[in-house]
């Protein structure tokens, strides 16, 4: 299975002639990520994880493209989508298993991490792809009872601090880690946080590697 990282939290998986994309948001190269894709998984409703106009436009242009999202968000998207699209938008509940475009998926979590008590908490679902790659969305929830081989690490966010990022990596116990959610950092800040994750990850048996937008790895 190949994984290509795009800017911020968007990643694209390719396997057996099928393509699955997670979180094509406003910071990401949406059209490139979704080219010839079979399905999209969305962790939550925030624009940096879902560029609603561009994703719905892609679904109109690609009549086989399916979208899966938390139930409330899926309902909202169906209300906005033209008739030829709304039947391809599906609800996802936490703690379920299903197959999308030939990829085995498990869902976890339920809520976005707290930003501030005055900011409403929205639904957030993390996805385990093919039993081995975990994308948590905007949450540090660790899959219960599972040890993913690869974890995608939210490096920086308004809802986190560096110590929580490190603790999340340690808690997953993954063999490998790659960055996501770094779109608000400059090079200095990114280097500092990734340096901490690299150092502490190594102590606990996780190899962290930086990926640039557009870079592809074999998993």
Foldseek 3Di string as FASTA:
>chain_A
DKWAFWAFQWIWDDDPRAIEIFFQAPRTPNCVRCVVHQEYEYFFDDRSRPVLVVVLVVCVVPLRYAYEYAPVVLVVSLVVHDPSRNVRRYHDDAQDWDAGRNKTKHKHDFWAADLDPVDDITTGIWIDINLAEIRRHRDLDAPPPHQHQEYEFQQDDSRDDLVSSLVSLLVSLHQEYEYHRCNVDDPVSSVVSQVVNCVSNVVNNYHYDYDDRRDMDDD
